[in-house]
PDB file of N, CA and C in Angstrom:
ATOM      1  N   UNK A   1      16.260   4.410  10.479  1.00  0.00           N
ATOM      2  CA  UNK A   1      15.696   5.563  11.160  1.00  0.00           C
ATOM      3  C   UNK A   1      14.618   5.095  12.132  1.00  0.00           C
ATOM      4  N   UNK A   2      14.800   5.382  13.412  1.00  0.00           N
ATOM      5  CA  UNK A   2      13.818   5.031  14.422  1.00  0.00           C
ATOM      6  C   UNK A   2      12.857   6.179  14.647  1.00  0.00           C
ATOM      7  N   UNK A   3      13.384   7.370  14.901  1.00  0.00           N
ATOM      8  CA  UNK A   3      12.510   8.520  15.109  1.00  0.00           C
ATOM      9  C   UNK A   3      13.199   9.791  14.646  1.00  0.00           C
ATOM     10  N   UNK A   4      12.381  10.824  14.463  1.00  0.00           N
ATOM     11  CA  UNK A   4      12.859  12.067  13.893  1.00  0.00           C
ATOM     12  C   UNK A   4      12.156  13.222  14.588  1.00  0.00           C
ATOM     13  N   UNK A   5      12.878  14.314  14.809  1.00  0.00           N
ATOM     14  CA  UNK A   5      12.279  15.525  15.372  1.00  0.00           C
ATOM     15  C   UNK A   5      12.888  16.723  14.650  1.00  0.00           C
ATOM     16  N   UNK A   6      12.044  17.711  14.344  1.00  0.00           N
ATOM     17  CA  UNK A   6      12.486  18.895  13.614  1.00  0.00           C
ATOM     18  C   UNK A   6      12.033  20.133  14.373  1.00  0.00           C
ATOM     19  N   UNK A   7      12.965  21.047  14.592  1.00  0.00           N
ATOM     20  CA  UNK A   7      12.636  22.358  15.151  1.00  0.00           C
ATOM     21  C   UNK A   7      12.730  23.354  14.006  1.00  0.00           C
ATOM     22  N   UNK A   8      11.590  23.878  13.599  1.00  0.00           N
ATOM     23  CA  UNK A   8      11.577  24.817  12.483  1.00  0.00           C
ATOM     24  C   UNK A   8      11.507  26.241  13.004  1.00  0.00           C
ATOM     25  N   UNK A   9      12.195  27.138  12.325  1.00  0.00           N
ATOM     26  CA  UNK A   9      12.248  28.559  12.658  1.00  0.00           C
ATOM     27  C   UNK A   9      12.732  28.795  14.087  1.00  0.00           C
ATOM     28  N   UNK A  10      13.738  28.032  14.501  1.00  0.00           N
ATOM     29  CA  UNK A  10      14.345  28.246  15.816  1.00  0.00           C
ATOM     30  C   UNK A  10      15.086  29.572  15.795  1.00  0.00           C
ATOM     31  N   UNK A  11      14.922  30.358  16.839  1.00  0.00           N
ATOM     32  CA  UNK A  11      15.460  31.720  16.868  1.00  0.00           C
ATOM     33  C   UNK A  11      16.929  31.708  17.316  1.00  0.00           C
ATOM     34  N   UNK A  12      17.758  31.074  16.496  1.00  0.00           N
ATOM     35  CA  UNK A  12      19.201  31.042  16.726  1.00  0.00           C
ATOM     36  C   UNK A  12      19.868  30.931  15.363  1.00  0.00           C
ATOM     37  N   UNK A  13      21.024  31.526  15.237  1.00  0.00           N
ATOM     38  CA  UNK A  13      21.701  31.502  13.943  1.00  0.00           C
ATOM     39  C   UNK A  13      22.207  30.084  13.649  1.00  0.00           C
ATOM     40  N   UNK A  14      22.233  29.696  12.384  1.00  0.00           N
ATOM     41  CA  UNK A  14      22.687  28.342  12.042  1.00  0.00           C
ATOM     42  C   UNK A  14      24.127  28.077  12.473  1.00  0.00           C
ATOM     43  N   UNK A  15      24.964  29.100  12.450  1.00  0.00           N
ATOM     44  CA  UNK A  15      26.367  28.922  12.832  1.00  0.00           C
ATOM     45  C   UNK A  15      26.498  28.512  14.292  1.00  0.00           C
ATOM     46  N   UNK A  16      25.687  29.118  15.168  1.00  0.00           N
ATOM     47  CA  UNK A  16      25.726  28.773  16.590  1.00  0.00           C
ATOM     48  C   UNK A  16      25.095  27.408  16.847  1.00  0.00           C
ATOM     49  N   UNK A  17      24.031  27.090  16.115  1.00  0.00           N
ATOM     50  CA  UNK A  17      23.352  25.810  16.313  1.00  0.00           C
ATOM     51  C   UNK A  17      24.209  24.647  15.827  1.00  0.00           C
ATOM     52  N   UNK A  18      24.992  24.863  14.775  1.00  0.00           N
ATOM     53  CA  UNK A  18      25.825  23.782  14.234  1.00  0.00           C
ATOM     54  C   UNK A  18      26.900  23.348  15.216  1.00  0.00           C
ATOM     55  N   UNK A  19      27.359  24.245  16.066  1.00  0.00           N
ATOM     56  CA  UNK A  19      28.364  23.885  17.068  1.00  0.00           C
ATOM     57  C   UNK A  19      27.811  22.801  17.993  1.00  0.00           C
ATOM     58  N   UNK A  20      26.576  22.968  18.455  1.00  0.00           N
ATOM     59  CA  UNK A  20      25.967  21.993  19.360  1.00  0.00           C
ATOM     60  C   UNK A  20      25.585  20.708  18.635  1.00  0.00           C
ATOM     61  N   UNK A  21      25.115  20.827  17.418  1.00  0.00           N
ATOM     62  CA  UNK A  21      24.723  19.642  16.660  1.00  0.00           C
ATOM     63  C   UNK A  21      25.943  18.779  16.349  1.00  0.00           C
ATOM     64  N   UNK A  22      27.067  19.421  16.015  1.00  0.00           N
ATOM     65  CA  UNK A  22      28.296  18.663  15.761  1.00  0.00           C
ATOM     66  C   UNK A  22      28.807  17.987  17.023  1.00  0.00           C
ATOM     67  N   UNK A  23      28.516  18.579  18.169  1.00  0.00           N
ATOM     68  CA  UNK A  23      28.958  18.016  19.447  1.00  0.00           C
ATOM     69  C   UNK A  23      28.233  16.710  19.773  1.00  0.00           C
ATOM     70  N   UNK A  24      26.944  16.604  19.433  1.00  0.00           N
ATOM     71  CA  UNK A  24      26.155  15.437  19.836  1.00  0.00           C
ATOM     72  C   UNK A  24      25.996  14.393  18.730  1.00  0.00           C
ATOM     73  N   UNK A  25      26.389  14.697  17.513  1.00  0.00           N
ATOM     74  CA  UNK A  25      26.207  13.746  16.415  1.00  0.00           C
ATOM     75  C   UNK A  25      27.013  12.480  16.664  1.00  0.00           C
ATOM     76  N   UNK A  26      26.355  11.325  16.572  1.00  0.00           N
ATOM     77  CA  UNK A  26      27.011  10.039  16.766  1.00  0.00           C
ATOM     78  C   UNK A  26      27.022   9.537  18.199  1.00  0.00           C
ATOM     79  N   UNK A  27      26.616  10.349  19.157  1.00  0.00           N
ATOM     80  CA  UNK A  27      26.624   9.943  20.567  1.00  0.00           C
ATOM     81  C   UNK A  27      25.310   9.257  20.932  1.00  0.00           C
ATOM     82  N   UNK A  28      25.341   8.500  22.048  1.00  0.00           N
ATOM     83  CA  UNK A  28      24.114   7.928  22.590  1.00  0.00           C
ATOM     84  C   UNK A  28      23.187   9.059  23.016  1.00  0.00           C
ATOM     85  N   UNK A  29      21.875   8.816  22.958  1.00  0.00           N
ATOM     86  CA  UNK A  29      20.905   9.863  23.270  1.00  0.00           C
ATOM     87  C   UNK A  29      21.037  10.324  24.723  1.00  0.00           C
ATOM     88  N   UNK A  30      21.212   9.392  25.654  1.00  0.00           N
ATOM     89  CA  UNK A  30      21.374   9.756  27.059  1.00  0.00           C
ATOM     90  C   UNK A  30      22.641  10.548  27.306  1.00  0.00           C
ATOM     91  N   UNK A  31      23.712  10.156  26.659  1.00  0.00           N
ATOM     92  CA  UNK A  31      24.981  10.860  26.806  1.00  0.00           C
ATOM     93  C   UNK A  31      24.886  12.262  26.201  1.00  0.00           C
ATOM     94  N   UNK A  32      24.194  12.387  25.070  1.00  0.00           N
ATOM     95  CA  UNK A  32      24.028  13.689  24.431  1.00  0.00           C
ATOM     96  C   UNK A  32      23.196  14.616  25.297  1.00  0.00           C
ATOM     97  N   UNK A  33      22.134  14.092  25.922  1.00  0.00           N
ATOM     98  CA  UNK A  33      21.291  14.911  26.803  1.00  0.00           C
ATOM     99  C   UNK A  33      22.074  15.393  28.016  1.00  0.00           C
ATOM    100  N   UNK A  34      22.891  14.521  28.581  1.00  0.00           N
ATOM    101  CA  UNK A  34      23.695  14.902  29.742  1.00  0.00           C
ATOM    102  C   UNK A  34      24.752  15.939  29.364  1.00  0.00           C
ATOM    103  N   UNK A  35      25.335  15.793  28.200  1.00  0.00           N
ATOM    104  CA  UNK A  35      26.335  16.747  27.727  1.00  0.00           C
ATOM    105  C   UNK A  35      25.717  18.121  27.497  1.00  0.00           C
ATOM    106  N   UNK A  36      24.519  18.146  26.910  1.00  0.00           N
ATOM    107  CA  UNK A  36      23.847  19.419  26.631  1.00  0.00           C
ATOM    108  C   UNK A  36      23.337  20.089  27.902  1.00  0.00           C
ATOM    109  N   UNK A  37      23.068  19.286  28.927  1.00  0.00           N
ATOM    110  CA  UNK A  37      22.581  19.834  30.202  1.00  0.00           C
ATOM    111  C   UNK A  37      23.609  20.788  30.820  1.00  0.00           C
ATOM    112  N   UNK A  38      24.887  20.468  30.678  1.00  0.00           N
ATOM    113  CA  UNK A  38      25.934  21.234  31.334  1.00  0.00           C
ATOM    114  C   UNK A  38      26.766  22.072  30.369  1.00  0.00           C
ATOM    115  N   UNK A  39      26.306  22.212  29.144  1.00  0.00           N
ATOM    116  CA  UNK A  39      27.000  23.053  28.178  1.00  0.00           C
ATOM    117  C   UNK A  39      26.402  24.448  28.214  1.00  0.00           C
ATOM    118  N   UNK A  40      27.271  25.440  28.349  1.00  0.00           N
ATOM    119  CA  UNK A  40      26.808  26.820  28.461  1.00  0.00           C
ATOM    120  C   UNK A  40      26.860  27.518  27.111  1.00  0.00           C
ATOM    121  N   UNK A  41      26.036  27.080  26.207  1.00  0.00           N
ATOM    122  CA  UNK A  41      25.881  27.704  24.894  1.00  0.00           C
ATOM    123  C   UNK A  41      24.407  27.987  24.685  1.00  0.00           C
ATOM    124  N   UNK A  42      24.115  29.004  23.885  1.00  0.00           N
ATOM    125  CA  UNK A  42      22.721  29.397  23.707  1.00  0.00           C
ATOM    126  C   UNK A  42      21.908  28.364  22.927  1.00  0.00           C
ATOM    127  N   UNK A  43      22.558  27.554  22.122  1.00  0.00           N
ATOM    128  CA  UNK A  43      21.852  26.539  21.343  1.00  0.00           C
ATOM    129  C   UNK A  43      21.626  25.247  22.120  1.00  0.00           C
ATOM    130  N   UNK A  44      22.300  25.068  23.246  1.00  0.00           N
ATOM    131  CA  UNK A  44      22.221  23.815  23.993  1.00  0.00           C
ATOM    132  C   UNK A  44      20.798  23.475  24.455  1.00  0.00           C
ATOM    133  N   UNK A  45      20.026  24.411  25.043  1.00  0.00           N
ATOM    134  CA  UNK A  45      18.662  24.042  25.446  1.00  0.00           C
ATOM    135  C   UNK A  45      17.753  23.686  24.274  1.00  0.00           C
ATOM    136  N   UNK A  46      17.959  24.318  23.126  1.00  0.00           N
ATOM    137  CA  UNK A  46      17.124  24.041  21.955  1.00  0.00           C
ATOM    138  C   UNK A  46      17.394  22.630  21.439  1.00  0.00           C
ATOM    139  N   UNK A  47      18.664  22.269  21.318  1.00  0.00           N
ATOM    140  CA  UNK A  47      19.031  20.942  20.818  1.00  0.00           C
ATOM    141  C   UNK A  47      18.653  19.863  21.837  1.00  0.00           C
ATOM    142  N   UNK A  48      18.779  20.167  23.120  1.00  0.00           N
ATOM    143  CA  UNK A  48      18.401  19.215  24.176  1.00  0.00           C
ATOM    144  C   UNK A  48      16.914  18.905  24.113  1.00  0.00           C
ATOM    145  N   UNK A  49      16.109  19.931  23.968  1.00  0.00           N
ATOM    146  CA  UNK A  49      14.662  19.748  23.877  1.00  0.00           C
ATOM    147  C   UNK A  49      14.295  18.951  22.625  1.00  0.00           C
ATOM    148  N   UNK A  50      15.037  19.153  21.555  1.00  0.00           N
ATOM    149  CA  UNK A  50      14.786  18.441  20.309  1.00  0.00           C
ATOM    150  C   UNK A  50      15.121  16.958  20.432  1.00  0.00           C
ATOM    151  N   UNK A  51      16.211  16.627  21.114  1.00  0.00           N
ATOM    152  CA  UNK A  51      16.571  15.216  21.317  1.00  0.00           C
ATOM    153  C   UNK A  51      15.561  14.543  22.230  1.00  0.00           C
ATOM    154  N   UNK A  52      15.106  15.245  23.272  1.00  0.00           N
ATOM    155  CA  UNK A  52      14.059  14.698  24.148  1.00  0.00           C
ATOM    156  C   UNK A  52      12.786  14.421  23.357  1.00  0.00           C
ATOM    157  N   UNK A  53      12.448  15.299  22.437  1.00  0.00           N
ATOM    158  CA  UNK A  53      11.270  15.092  21.598  1.00  0.00           C
ATOM    159  C   UNK A  53      11.442  13.882  20.688  1.00  0.00           C
ATOM    160  N   UNK A  54      12.644  13.697  20.140  1.00  0.00           N
ATOM    161  CA  UNK A  54      12.895  12.539  19.275  1.00  0.00           C
ATOM    162  C   UNK A  54      12.820  11.239  20.061  1.00  0.00           C
ATOM    163  N   UNK A  55      13.295  11.237  21.316  1.00  0.00           N
ATOM    164  CA  UNK A  55      13.195  10.041  22.171  1.00  0.00           C
ATOM    165  C   UNK A  55      11.728   9.739  22.467  1.00  0.00           C
ATOM    166  N   UNK A  56      10.939  10.771  22.740  1.00  0.00           N
ATOM    167  CA  UNK A  56       9.510  10.572  22.993  1.00  0.00           C
ATOM    168  C   UNK A  56       8.806  10.053  21.739  1.00  0.00           C
ATOM    169  N   UNK A  57       9.201  10.551  20.574  1.00  0.00           N
ATOM    170  CA  UNK A  57       8.625  10.057  19.319  1.00  0.00           C
ATOM    171  C   UNK A  57       8.961   8.587  19.103  1.00  0.00           C
ATOM    172  N   UNK A  58      10.171   8.173  19.494  1.00  0.00           N
ATOM    173  CA  UNK A  58      10.566   6.765  19.348  1.00  0.00           C
ATOM    174  C   UNK A  58       9.733   5.871  20.264  1.00  0.00           C
ATOM    175  N   UNK A  59       9.465   6.366  21.490  1.00  0.00           N
ATOM    176  CA  UNK A  59       8.644   5.573  22.422  1.00  0.00           C
ATOM    177  C   UNK A  59       7.223   5.402  21.908  1.00  0.00           C
ATOM    178  N   UNK A  60       6.679   6.432  21.295  1.00  0.00           N
ATOM    179  CA  UNK A  60       5.308   6.363  20.781  1.00  0.00           C
ATOM    180  C   UNK A  60       5.247   5.491  19.529  1.00  0.00           C
ATOM    181  N   UNK A  61       6.248   5.636  18.667  1.00  0.00           N
ATOM    182  CA  UNK A  61       6.264   4.899  17.404  1.00  0.00           C
ATOM    183  C   UNK A  61       6.372   3.398  17.620  1.00  0.00           C
ATOM    184  N   UNK A  62       7.269   2.991  18.525  1.00  0.00           N
ATOM    185  CA  UNK A  62       7.411   1.570  18.847  1.00  0.00           C
ATOM    186  C   UNK A  62       7.579   1.442  20.356  1.00  0.00           C
ATOM    187  N   UNK A  63       6.503   1.066  21.065  1.00  0.00           N
ATOM    188  CA  UNK A  63       6.532   1.053  22.538  1.00  0.00           C
ATOM    189  C   UNK A  63       7.549   0.096  23.160  1.00  0.00           C
ATOM    190  N   UNK A  64       7.935  -0.951  22.478  1.00  0.00           N
ATOM    191  CA  UNK A  64       8.866  -1.918  23.057  1.00  0.00           C
ATOM    192  C   UNK A  64      10.326  -1.613  22.791  1.00  0.00           C
ATOM    193  N   UNK A  65      10.636  -0.388  22.415  1.00  0.00           N
ATOM    194  CA  UNK A  65      12.017  -0.050  22.035  1.00  0.00           C
ATOM    195  C   UNK A  65      12.895   0.128  23.273  1.00  0.00           C
ATOM    196  N   UNK A  66      14.158  -0.230  23.140  1.00  0.00           N
ATOM    197  CA  UNK A  66      15.136  -0.027  24.203  1.00  0.00           C
ATOM    198  C   UNK A  66      15.682   1.395  24.067  1.00  0.00           C
ATOM    199  N   UNK A  67      15.336   2.262  25.014  1.00  0.00           N
ATOM    200  CA  UNK A  67      15.712   3.675  24.936  1.00  0.00           C
ATOM    201  C   UNK A  67      17.219   3.854  25.101  1.00  0.00           C
ATOM    202  N   UNK A  68      17.879   2.959  25.845  1.00  0.00           N
ATOM    203  CA  UNK A  68      19.325   3.068  26.040  1.00  0.00           C
ATOM    204  C   UNK A  68      20.096   2.773  24.753  1.00  0.00           C
ATOM    205  N   UNK A  69      19.458   2.100  23.795  1.00  0.00           N
ATOM    206  CA  UNK A  69      20.134   1.753  22.541  1.00  0.00           C
ATOM    207  C   UNK A  69      20.029   2.861  21.498  1.00  0.00           C
ATOM    208  N   UNK A  70      19.308   3.937  21.791  1.00  0.00           N
ATOM    209  CA  UNK A  70      19.137   5.021  20.821  1.00  0.00           C
ATOM    210  C   UNK A  70      20.384   5.893  20.769  1.00  0.00           C
ATOM    211  N   UNK A  71      20.738   6.340  19.570  1.00  0.00           N
ATOM    212  CA  UNK A  71      21.851   7.265  19.396  1.00  0.00           C
ATOM    213  C   UNK A  71      21.502   8.278  18.314  1.00  0.00           C
ATOM    214  N   UNK A  72      22.214   9.381  18.305  1.00  0.00           N
ATOM    215  CA  UNK A  72      21.965  10.446  17.333  1.00  0.00           C
ATOM    216  C   UNK A  72      22.625  10.022  16.021  1.00  0.00           C
ATOM    217  N   UNK A  73      21.803   9.501  15.122  1.00  0.00           N
ATOM    218  CA  UNK A  73      22.299   8.973  13.858  1.00  0.00           C
ATOM    219  C   UNK A  73      22.647  10.110  12.895  1.00  0.00           C
ATOM    220  N   UNK A  74      21.724  11.026  12.733  1.00  0.00           N
ATOM    221  CA  UNK A  74      21.913  12.161  11.832  1.00  0.00           C
ATOM    222  C   UNK A  74      21.412  13.413  12.523  1.00  0.00           C
ATOM    223  N   UNK A  75      22.146  14.497  12.383  1.00  0.00           N
ATOM    224  CA  UNK A  75      21.713  15.787  12.915  1.00  0.00           C
ATOM    225  C   UNK A  75      22.294  16.874  12.027  1.00  0.00           C
ATOM    226  N   UNK A  76      21.442  17.801  11.602  1.00  0.00           N
ATOM    227  CA  UNK A  76      21.934  18.881  10.757  1.00  0.00           C
ATOM    228  C   UNK A  76      21.106  20.138  10.971  1.00  0.00           C
ATOM    229  N   UNK A  77      21.681  21.262  10.547  1.00  0.00           N
ATOM    230  CA  UNK A  77      21.060  22.575  10.707  1.00  0.00           C
ATOM    231  C   UNK A  77      21.028  23.256   9.349  1.00  0.00           C
ATOM    232  N   UNK A  78      19.876  23.771   8.980  1.00  0.00           N
ATOM    233  CA  UNK A  78      19.722  24.540   7.749  1.00  0.00           C
ATOM    234  C   UNK A  78      19.283  25.953   8.093  1.00  0.00           C
ATOM    235  N   UNK A  79      19.575  26.887   7.216  1.00  0.00           N
ATOM    236  CA  UNK A  79      19.157  28.271   7.420  1.00  0.00           C
ATOM    237  C   UNK A  79      17.687  28.396   7.046  1.00  0.00           C
ATOM    238  N   UNK A  80      16.922  29.026   7.926  1.00  0.00           N
ATOM    239  CA  UNK A  80      15.499  29.235   7.677  1.00  0.00           C
ATOM    240  C   UNK A  80      15.296  30.565   6.954  1.00  0.00           C
ATOM    241  N   UNK A  81      14.226  30.692   6.184  1.00  0.00           N
ATOM    242  CA  UNK A  81      13.962  31.976   5.537  1.00  0.00           C
ATOM    243  C   UNK A  81      13.672  33.055   6.569  1.00  0.00           C
ATOM    244  N   UNK A  82      14.161  34.253   6.301  1.00  0.00           N
ATOM    245  CA  UNK A  82      14.088  35.329   7.271  1.00  0.00           C
ATOM    246  C   UNK A  82      12.974  36.318   6.935  1.00  0.00           C
ATOM    247  N   UNK A  83      11.818  35.818   6.555  1.00  0.00           N
ATOM    248  CA  UNK A  83      10.740  36.714   6.138  1.00  0.00           C
ATOM    249  C   UNK A  83       9.977  37.301   7.316  1.00  0.00           C
ATOM    250  N   UNK A  84      10.093  36.710   8.511  1.00  0.00           N
ATOM    251  CA  UNK A  84       9.327  37.193   9.658  1.00  0.00           C
ATOM    252  C   UNK A  84      10.107  38.167  10.526  1.00  0.00           C
ATOM    253  N   UNK A  85      11.439  38.104  10.469  1.00  0.00           N
ATOM    254  CA  UNK A  85      12.261  38.893  11.382  1.00  0.00           C
ATOM    255  C   UNK A  85      13.053  39.964  10.637  1.00  0.00           C
ATOM    256  N   UNK A  86      12.400  40.689   9.747  1.00  0.00           N
ATOM    257  CA  UNK A  86      13.096  41.740   9.002  1.00  0.00           C
ATOM    258  C   UNK A  86      13.224  42.983   9.870  1.00  0.00           C
ATOM    259  N   UNK A  87      14.447  43.454   9.986  1.00  0.00           N
ATOM    260  CA  UNK A  87      14.714  44.666  10.743  1.00  0.00           C
ATOM    261  C   UNK A  87      15.607  45.566   9.903  1.00  0.00           C
ATOM    262  N   UNK A  88      15.457  46.884  10.095  1.00  0.00           N
ATOM    263  CA  UNK A  88      16.225  47.849   9.317  1.00  0.00           C
ATOM    264  C   UNK A  88      16.965  48.791  10.244  1.00  0.00           C
ATOM    265  N   UNK A  89      18.171  49.189   9.829  1.00  0.00           N
ATOM    266  CA  UNK A  89      18.980  50.109  10.597  1.00  0.00           C
ATOM    267  C   UNK A  89      19.259  51.336   9.736  1.00  0.00           C
ATOM    268  N   UNK A  90      18.985  52.525  10.283  1.00  0.00           N
ATOM    269  CA  UNK A  90      19.287  53.738   9.507  1.00  0.00           C
ATOM    270  C   UNK A  90      20.793  53.915   9.331  1.00  0.00           C
ATOM    271  N   UNK A  91      21.187  54.342   8.151  1.00  0.00           N
ATOM    272  CA  UNK A  91      22.590  54.560   7.823  1.00  0.00           C
ATOM    273  C   UNK A  91      22.780  55.991   7.322  1.00  0.00           C
ATOM    274  N   UNK A  92      23.976  56.289   6.935  1.00  0.00           N
ATOM    275  CA  UNK A  92      24.312  57.643   6.509  1.00  0.00           C
ATOM    276  C   UNK A  92      23.612  58.018   5.206  1.00  0.00           C
ATOM    277  N   UNK A  93      23.387  59.288   5.023  1.00  0.00           N
ATOM    278  CA  UNK A  93      22.826  59.868   3.803  1.00  0.00           C
ATOM    279  C   UNK A  93      21.438  59.325   3.489  1.00  0.00           C
ATOM    280  N   UNK A  94      20.638  59.043   4.509  1.00  0.00           N
ATOM    281  CA  UNK A  94      19.249  58.626   4.315  1.00  0.00           C
ATOM    282  C   UNK A  94      19.057  57.199   3.860  1.00  0.00           C
ATOM    283  N   UNK A  95      20.088  56.401   3.903  1.00  0.00           N
ATOM    284  CA  UNK A  95      19.960  55.010   3.473  1.00  0.00           C
ATOM    285  C   UNK A  95      19.575  54.124   4.654  1.00  0.00           C
ATOM    286  N   UNK A  96      19.267  52.876   4.343  1.00  0.00           N
ATOM    287  CA  UNK A  96      18.960  51.894   5.381  1.00  0.00           C
ATOM    288  C   UNK A  96      19.566  50.564   4.976  1.00  0.00           C
ATOM    289  N   UNK A  97      20.004  49.775   5.952  1.00  0.00           N
ATOM    290  CA  UNK A  97      20.523  48.433   5.689  1.00  0.00           C
ATOM    291  C   UNK A  97      19.759  47.435   6.551  1.00  0.00           C
ATOM    292  N   UNK A  98      19.693  46.215   6.050  1.00  0.00           N
ATOM    293  CA  UNK A  98      18.979  45.165   6.789  1.00  0.00           C
ATOM    294  C   UNK A  98      19.826  44.635   7.915  1.00  0.00           C
ATOM    295  N   UNK A  99      19.175  44.297   9.027  1.00  0.00           N
ATOM    296  CA  UNK A  99      19.823  43.606  10.136  1.00  0.00           C
ATOM    297  C   UNK A  99      19.513  42.130   9.959  1.00  0.00           C
ATOM    298  N   UNK A 100      20.554  41.308   9.939  1.00  0.00           N
ATOM    299  CA  UNK A 100      20.364  39.871   9.768  1.00  0.00           C
ATOM    300  C   UNK A 100      20.011  39.233  11.107  1.00  0.00           C
ATOM    301  N   UNK A 101      18.849  38.652  11.199  1.00  0.00           N
ATOM    302  CA  UNK A 101      18.436  37.902  12.380  1.00  0.00           C
ATOM    303  C   UNK A 101      18.466  36.425  12.013  1.00  0.00           C
ATOM    304  N   UNK A 102      19.195  35.641  12.785  1.00  0.00           N
ATOM    305  CA  UNK A 102      19.367  34.239  12.434  1.00  0.00           C
ATOM    306  C   UNK A 102      18.174  33.385  12.804  1.00  0.00           C
ATOM    307  N   UNK A 103      17.717  32.575  11.856  1.00  0.00           N
ATOM    308  CA  UNK A 103      16.669  31.580  12.074  1.00  0.00           C
ATOM    309  C   UNK A 103      17.162  30.257  11.498  1.00  0.00           C
ATOM    310  N   UNK A 104      16.830  29.161  12.172  1.00  0.00           N
ATOM    311  CA  UNK A 104      17.355  27.856  11.780  1.00  0.00           C
ATOM    312  C   UNK A 104      16.265  26.804  11.743  1.00  0.00           C
ATOM    313  N   UNK A 105      16.475  25.825  10.875  1.00  0.00           N
ATOM    314  CA  UNK A 105      15.724  24.574  10.902  1.00  0.00           C
ATOM    315  C   UNK A 105      16.697  23.510  11.410  1.00  0.00           C
ATOM    316  N   UNK A 106      16.405  22.911  12.574  1.00  0.00           N
ATOM    317  CA  UNK A 106      17.291  21.911  13.167  1.00  0.00           C
ATOM    318  C   UNK A 106      16.598  20.555  13.093  1.00  0.00           C
ATOM    319  N   UNK A 107      17.280  19.546  12.564  1.00  0.00           N
ATOM    320  CA  UNK A 107      16.726  18.205  12.411  1.00  0.00           C
ATOM    321  C   UNK A 107      17.604  17.198  13.135  1.00  0.00           C
ATOM    322  N   UNK A 108      16.966  16.324  13.928  1.00  0.00           N
ATOM    323  CA  UNK A 108      17.676  15.257  14.630  1.00  0.00           C
ATOM    324  C   UNK A 108      16.982  13.935  14.305  1.00  0.00           C
ATOM    325  N   UNK A 109      17.762  12.952  13.871  1.00  0.00           N
ATOM    326  CA  UNK A 109      17.242  11.613  13.576  1.00  0.00           C
ATOM    327  C   UNK A 109      17.956  10.631  14.481  1.00  0.00           C
ATOM    328  N   UNK A 110      17.182   9.868  15.246  1.00  0.00           N
ATOM    329  CA  UNK A 110      17.742   8.861  16.145  1.00  0.00           C
ATOM    330  C   UNK A 110      17.678   7.489  15.495  1.00  0.00           C
ATOM    331  N   UNK A 111      18.722   6.711  15.713  1.00  0.00           N
ATOM    332  CA  UNK A 111      18.769   5.337  15.261  1.00  0.00           C
ATOM    333  C   UNK A 111      18.940   4.416  16.457  1.00  0.00           C
ATOM    334  N   UNK A 112      18.869   3.113  16.198  1.00  0.00           N
ATOM    335  CA  UNK A 112      19.022   2.136  17.277  1.00  0.00           C
ATOM    336  C   UNK A 112      20.258   1.286  17.027  1.00  0.00           C
ATOM    337  N   UNK A 113      21.112   1.206  18.035  1.00  0.00           N
ATOM    338  CA  UNK A 113      22.316   0.373  17.921  1.00  0.00           C
ATOM    339  C   UNK A 113      21.929  -1.088  18.113  1.00  0.00           C
ATOM    340  N   UNK A 114      22.520  -1.939  17.301  1.00  0.00           N
ATOM    341  CA  UNK A 114      22.193  -3.369  17.405  1.00  0.00           C
ATOM    342  C   UNK A 114      23.158  -4.097  18.306  1.00  0.00           C
TER     343      UNK A 114
END
């Protein structure tokens, strides 16, 4: 593990975020950033910003690192607790149901190819 970046409570559903994370897992960091730049999905800017943050963390952690050798070693998305975004919708006969608002914890770990 060279560097790690975590986006907590990202305002996107885990199902949508996993599509982008699966797309970049195992790719070089530069190639993943370029791919996310031109992908028209709502999770693409969030994951792109997260990979840029992980690259910056790698530069700070070890200044002599070769940035071209970095690749997305591990990337995963977990469901975040929905305690902040509770919404209710009125239903028939005076009842109410919860509206599910998606929140995610997205983690990206970069490694270095030898």
